[in-house]
């Protein structure tokens, strides 16, 4: 396992506020306020049906 270049001194404070340390903000999907649409999903029910089939 190669740790890369390990600095001999601690980086300055300006190093830690660089753009490459910014993480995207993850938010849940917006839901219909009336509740008619339900929660969007990625189709796990279809996947389970295909993977398990009639085993249950």
PDB file of N, CA and C in Angstrom:
ATOM      1  N   UNK A   1       0.840  -1.157   0.000  1.00  0.00           N
ATOM      2  CA  UNK A   1       0.000   0.000   0.000  1.00  0.00           C
ATOM      3  C   UNK A   1       0.899   1.239   0.000  1.00  0.00           C
ATOM      4  N   UNK A   2       0.675   2.115  -0.948  1.00  0.00           N
ATOM      5  CA  UNK A   2       1.493   3.320  -1.085  1.00  0.00           C
ATOM      6  C   UNK A   2       0.709   4.523  -0.568  1.00  0.00           C
ATOM      7  N   UNK A   3       1.168   5.178   0.510  1.00  0.00           N
ATOM      8  CA  UNK A   3       0.436   6.328   1.042  1.00  0.00           C
ATOM      9  C   UNK A   3       0.612   7.587   0.220  1.00  0.00           C
ATOM     10  N   UNK A   4       1.443   7.558  -0.796  1.00  0.00           N
ATOM     11  CA  UNK A   4       1.704   8.755  -1.585  1.00  0.00           C
ATOM     12  C   UNK A   4       2.784   9.581  -0.925  1.00  0.00           C
ATOM     13  N   UNK A   5       2.788  10.844  -1.212  1.00  0.00           N
ATOM     14  CA  UNK A   5       3.794  11.741  -0.639  1.00  0.00           C
ATOM     15  C   UNK A   5       3.320  12.207   0.734  1.00  0.00           C
ATOM     16  N   UNK A   6       4.111  11.930   1.745  1.00  0.00           N
ATOM     17  CA  UNK A   6       3.779  12.365   3.099  1.00  0.00           C
ATOM     18  C   UNK A   6       4.601  13.611   3.399  1.00  0.00           C
ATOM     19  N   UNK A   7       3.935  14.752   3.675  1.00  0.00           N
ATOM     20  CA  UNK A   7       4.678  15.984   3.922  1.00  0.00           C
ATOM     21  C   UNK A   7       5.445  15.919   5.253  1.00  0.00           C
ATOM     22  N   UNK A   8       6.558  16.625   5.308  1.00  0.00           N
ATOM     23  CA  UNK A   8       7.362  16.640   6.534  1.00  0.00           C
ATOM     24  C   UNK A   8       6.801  17.625   7.556  1.00  0.00           C
ATOM     25  N   UNK A   9       5.991  18.600   7.108  1.00  0.00           N
ATOM     26  CA  UNK A   9       5.365  19.577   8.003  1.00  0.00           C
ATOM     27  C   UNK A   9       3.874  19.627   7.744  1.00  0.00           C
ATOM     28  N   UNK A  10       3.166  20.174   8.703  1.00  0.00           N
ATOM     29  CA  UNK A  10       1.728  20.349   8.544  1.00  0.00           C
ATOM     30  C   UNK A  10       1.460  21.417   7.491  1.00  0.00           C
ATOM     31  N   UNK A  11       0.487  21.183   6.587  1.00  0.00           N
ATOM     32  CA  UNK A  11       0.153  22.182   5.568  1.00  0.00           C
ATOM     33  C   UNK A  11      -0.419  23.451   6.201  1.00  0.00           C
ATOM     34  N   UNK A  12      -0.297  24.589   5.518  1.00  0.00           N
ATOM     35  CA  UNK A  12      -0.872  25.835   6.050  1.00  0.00           C
ATOM     36  C   UNK A  12      -2.401  25.764   6.045  1.00  0.00           C
ATOM     37  N   UNK A  13      -3.028  26.650   6.792  1.00  0.00           N
ATOM     38  CA  UNK A  13      -4.494  26.669   6.895  1.00  0.00           C
ATOM     39  C   UNK A  13      -5.159  26.880   5.534  1.00  0.00           C
ATOM     40  N   UNK A  14      -4.526  27.625   4.644  1.00  0.00           N
ATOM     41  CA  UNK A  14      -5.107  27.865   3.314  1.00  0.00           C
ATOM     42  C   UNK A  14      -5.235  26.567   2.510  1.00  0.00           C
ATOM     43  N   UNK A  15      -4.442  25.574   2.829  1.00  0.00           N
ATOM     44  CA  UNK A  15      -4.522  24.277   2.138  1.00  0.00           C
ATOM     45  C   UNK A  15      -5.867  23.604   2.389  1.00  0.00           C
ATOM     46  N   UNK A  16      -6.381  23.724   3.610  1.00  0.00           N
ATOM     47  CA  UNK A  16      -7.594  23.005   3.997  1.00  0.00           C
ATOM     48  C   UNK A  16      -8.872  23.647   3.478  1.00  0.00           C
ATOM     49  N   UNK A  17      -8.825  24.875   2.989  1.00  0.00           N
ATOM     50  CA  UNK A  17     -10.035  25.520   2.471  1.00  0.00           C
ATOM     51  C   UNK A  17     -10.059  25.525   0.946  1.00  0.00           C
ATOM     52  N   UNK A  18      -9.214  24.717   0.327  1.00  0.00           N
ATOM     53  CA  UNK A  18      -9.168  24.637  -1.134  1.00  0.00           C
ATOM     54  C   UNK A  18     -10.457  24.016  -1.675  1.00  0.00           C
ATOM     55  N   UNK A  19     -10.754  24.280  -2.946  1.00  0.00           N
ATOM     56  CA  UNK A  19     -11.993  23.807  -3.568  1.00  0.00           C
ATOM     57  C   UNK A  19     -12.103  22.287  -3.603  1.00  0.00           C
ATOM     58  N   UNK A  20     -11.004  21.560  -3.681  1.00  0.00           N
ATOM     59  CA  UNK A  20     -11.103  20.104  -3.805  1.00  0.00           C
ATOM     60  C   UNK A  20     -11.507  19.428  -2.503  1.00  0.00           C
ATOM     61  N   UNK A  21     -11.646  20.163  -1.418  1.00  0.00           N
ATOM     62  CA  UNK A  21     -12.167  19.598  -0.179  1.00  0.00           C
ATOM     63  C   UNK A  21     -13.664  19.822  -0.027  1.00  0.00           C
ATOM     64  N   UNK A  22     -14.284  20.533  -0.935  1.00  0.00           N
ATOM     65  CA  UNK A  22     -15.725  20.779  -0.848  1.00  0.00           C
ATOM     66  C   UNK A  22     -16.486  19.548  -1.318  1.00  0.00           C
ATOM     67  N   UNK A  23     -17.449  19.152  -0.514  1.00  0.00           N
ATOM     68  CA  UNK A  23     -18.272  17.997  -0.849  1.00  0.00           C
ATOM     69  C   UNK A  23     -19.624  18.483  -1.354  1.00  0.00           C
ATOM     70  N   UNK A  24     -20.238  17.749  -2.289  1.00  0.00           N
ATOM     71  CA  UNK A  24     -21.567  18.149  -2.746  1.00  0.00           C
ATOM     72  C   UNK A  24     -22.588  17.959  -1.627  1.00  0.00           C
ATOM     73  N   UNK A  25     -23.644  18.738  -1.687  1.00  0.00           N
ATOM     74  CA  UNK A  25     -24.716  18.638  -0.698  1.00  0.00           C
ATOM     75  C   UNK A  25     -25.717  17.613  -1.217  1.00  0.00           C
ATOM     76  N   UNK A  26     -25.915  16.555  -0.445  1.00  0.00           N
ATOM     77  CA  UNK A  26     -26.864  15.522  -0.844  1.00  0.00           C
ATOM     78  C   UNK A  26     -28.197  15.796  -0.165  1.00  0.00           C
ATOM     79  N   UNK A  27     -29.238  15.878  -0.962  1.00  0.00           N
ATOM     80  CA  UNK A  27     -30.572  16.149  -0.440  1.00  0.00           C
ATOM     81  C   UNK A  27     -31.527  15.065  -0.942  1.00  0.00           C
ATOM     82  N   UNK A  28     -32.499  14.708  -0.125  1.00  0.00           N
ATOM     83  CA  UNK A  28     -33.491  13.745  -0.600  1.00  0.00           C
ATOM     84  C   UNK A  28     -34.342  14.373  -1.696  1.00  0.00           C
ATOM     85  N   UNK A  29     -34.972  13.548  -2.531  1.00  0.00           N
ATOM     86  CA  UNK A  29     -35.802  14.106  -3.601  1.00  0.00           C
ATOM     87  C   UNK A  29     -37.006  14.846  -3.036  1.00  0.00           C
ATOM     88  N   UNK A  30     -37.460  15.852  -3.778  1.00  0.00           N
ATOM     89  CA  UNK A  30     -38.648  16.601  -3.378  1.00  0.00           C
ATOM     90  C   UNK A  30     -39.875  15.704  -3.560  1.00  0.00           C
ATOM     91  N   UNK A  31     -40.754  15.712  -2.580  1.00  0.00           N
ATOM     92  CA  UNK A  31     -41.972  14.906  -2.640  1.00  0.00           C
ATOM     93  C   UNK A  31     -43.168  15.793  -2.968  1.00  0.00           C
ATOM     94  N   UNK A  32     -44.149  15.186  -3.609  1.00  0.00           N
ATOM     95  CA  UNK A  32     -45.399  15.880  -3.909  1.00  0.00           C
ATOM     96  C   UNK A  32     -46.106  16.179  -2.589  1.00  0.00           C
ATOM     97  N   UNK A  33     -46.462  17.439  -2.363  1.00  0.00           N
ATOM     98  CA  UNK A  33     -47.072  17.818  -1.088  1.00  0.00           C
ATOM     99  C   UNK A  33     -48.427  17.143  -0.868  1.00  0.00           C
ATOM    100  N   UNK A  34     -49.114  16.808  -1.952  1.00  0.00           N
ATOM    101  CA  UNK A  34     -50.401  16.138  -1.823  1.00  0.00           C
ATOM    102  C   UNK A  34     -50.228  14.654  -1.492  1.00  0.00           C
ATOM    103  N   UNK A  35     -49.043  14.119  -1.709  1.00  0.00           N
ATOM    104  CA  UNK A  35     -48.768  12.727  -1.404  1.00  0.00           C
ATOM    105  C   UNK A  35     -49.255  11.760  -2.459  1.00  0.00           C
ATOM    106  N   UNK A  36     -49.681  12.275  -3.606  1.00  0.00           N
ATOM    107  CA  UNK A  36     -50.231  11.406  -4.636  1.00  0.00           C
ATOM    108  C   UNK A  36     -49.161  10.585  -5.356  1.00  0.00           C
ATOM    109  N   UNK A  37     -47.958  11.137  -5.483  1.00  0.00           N
ATOM    110  CA  UNK A  37     -46.930  10.446  -6.260  1.00  0.00           C
ATOM    111  C   UNK A  37     -46.155   9.396  -5.499  1.00  0.00           C
ATOM    112  N   UNK A  38     -46.148   9.462  -4.190  1.00  0.00           N
ATOM    113  CA  UNK A  38     -45.365   8.515  -3.406  1.00  0.00           C
ATOM    114  C   UNK A  38     -43.888   8.867  -3.431  1.00  0.00           C
ATOM    115  N   UNK A  39     -43.082   7.998  -2.897  1.00  0.00           N
ATOM    116  CA  UNK A  39     -41.639   8.208  -2.846  1.00  0.00           C
ATOM    117  C   UNK A  39     -41.011   7.569  -4.081  1.00  0.00           C
ATOM    118  N   UNK A  40     -40.210   8.329  -4.854  1.00  0.00           N
ATOM    119  CA  UNK A  40     -39.565   7.728  -6.020  1.00  0.00           C
ATOM    120  C   UNK A  40     -38.574   6.654  -5.578  1.00  0.00           C
ATOM    121  N   UNK A  41     -38.474   5.595  -6.354  1.00  0.00           N
ATOM    122  CA  UNK A  41     -37.558   4.514  -6.017  1.00  0.00           C
ATOM    123  C   UNK A  41     -36.825   4.062  -7.273  1.00  0.00           C
ATOM    124  N   UNK A  42     -35.894   3.160  -7.107  1.00  0.00           N
ATOM    125  CA  UNK A  42     -35.068   2.727  -8.239  1.00  0.00           C
ATOM    126  C   UNK A  42     -35.475   1.351  -8.744  1.00  0.00           C
ATOM    127  N   UNK A  43     -36.608   0.868  -8.338  1.00  0.00           N
ATOM    128  CA  UNK A  43     -37.121  -0.394  -8.862  1.00  0.00           C
ATOM    129  C   UNK A  43     -36.588  -1.631  -8.164  1.00  0.00           C
ATOM    130  N   UNK A  44     -36.329  -1.545  -6.863  1.00  0.00           N
ATOM    131  CA  UNK A  44     -35.822  -2.716  -6.149  1.00  0.00           C
ATOM    132  C   UNK A  44     -36.845  -3.845  -6.118  1.00  0.00           C
ATOM    133  N   UNK A  45     -38.130  -3.521  -6.181  1.00  0.00           N
ATOM    134  CA  UNK A  45     -39.133  -4.574  -6.200  1.00  0.00           C
ATOM    135  C   UNK A  45     -38.991  -5.440  -7.444  1.00  0.00           C
ATOM    136  N   UNK A  46     -38.730  -4.827  -8.584  1.00  0.00           N
ATOM    137  CA  UNK A  46     -38.515  -5.577  -9.823  1.00  0.00           C
ATOM    138  C   UNK A  46     -37.227  -6.407  -9.753  1.00  0.00           C
ATOM    139  N   UNK A  47     -36.201  -5.829  -9.172  1.00  0.00           N
ATOM    140  CA  UNK A  47     -34.925  -6.539  -9.027  1.00  0.00           C
ATOM    141  C   UNK A  47     -35.083  -7.766  -8.139  1.00  0.00           C
ATOM    142  N   UNK A  48     -35.747  -7.611  -7.006  1.00  0.00           N
ATOM    143  CA  UNK A  48     -35.976  -8.758  -6.119  1.00  0.00           C
ATOM    144  C   UNK A  48     -36.824  -9.822  -6.779  1.00  0.00           C
ATOM    145  N   UNK A  49     -37.813  -9.401  -7.518  1.00  0.00           N
ATOM    146  CA  UNK A  49     -38.659 -10.356  -8.220  1.00  0.00           C
ATOM    147  C   UNK A  49     -37.850 -11.162  -9.236  1.00  0.00           C
ATOM    148  N   UNK A  50     -36.957 -10.494  -9.957  1.00  0.00           N
ATOM    149  CA  UNK A  50     -36.121 -11.171 -10.940  1.00  0.00           C
ATOM    150  C   UNK A  50     -35.075 -12.061 -10.282  1.00  0.00           C
ATOM    151  N   UNK A  51     -34.512 -11.614  -9.150  1.00  0.00           N
ATOM    152  CA  UNK A  51     -33.446 -12.377  -8.492  1.00  0.00           C
ATOM    153  C   UNK A  51     -33.978 -13.578  -7.717  1.00  0.00           C
ATOM    154  N   UNK A  52     -35.070 -13.377  -7.015  1.00  0.00           N
ATOM    155  CA  UNK A  52     -35.595 -14.438  -6.160  1.00  0.00           C
ATOM    156  C   UNK A  52     -36.619 -15.287  -6.902  1.00  0.00           C
ATOM    157  N   UNK A  53     -37.389 -14.631  -7.735  1.00  0.00           N
ATOM    158  CA  UNK A  53     -38.411 -15.357  -8.490  1.00  0.00           C
ATOM    159  C   UNK A  53     -39.473 -15.923  -7.581  1.00  0.00           C
ATOM    160  N   UNK A  54     -39.773 -17.210  -7.763  1.00  0.00           N
ATOM    161  CA  UNK A  54     -40.835 -17.864  -6.983  1.00  0.00           C
ATOM    162  C   UNK A  54     -40.280 -18.595  -5.758  1.00  0.00           C
ATOM    163  N   UNK A  55     -39.073 -18.273  -5.344  1.00  0.00           N
ATOM    164  CA  UNK A  55     -38.480 -18.961  -4.186  1.00  0.00           C
ATOM    165  C   UNK A  55     -39.246 -18.685  -2.901  1.00  0.00           C
ATOM    166  N   UNK A  56     -39.879 -17.528  -2.845  1.00  0.00           N
ATOM    167  CA  UNK A  56     -40.656 -17.229  -1.650  1.00  0.00           C
ATOM    168  C   UNK A  56     -42.023 -17.798  -1.831  1.00  0.00           C
TER     169      UNK A  56
END
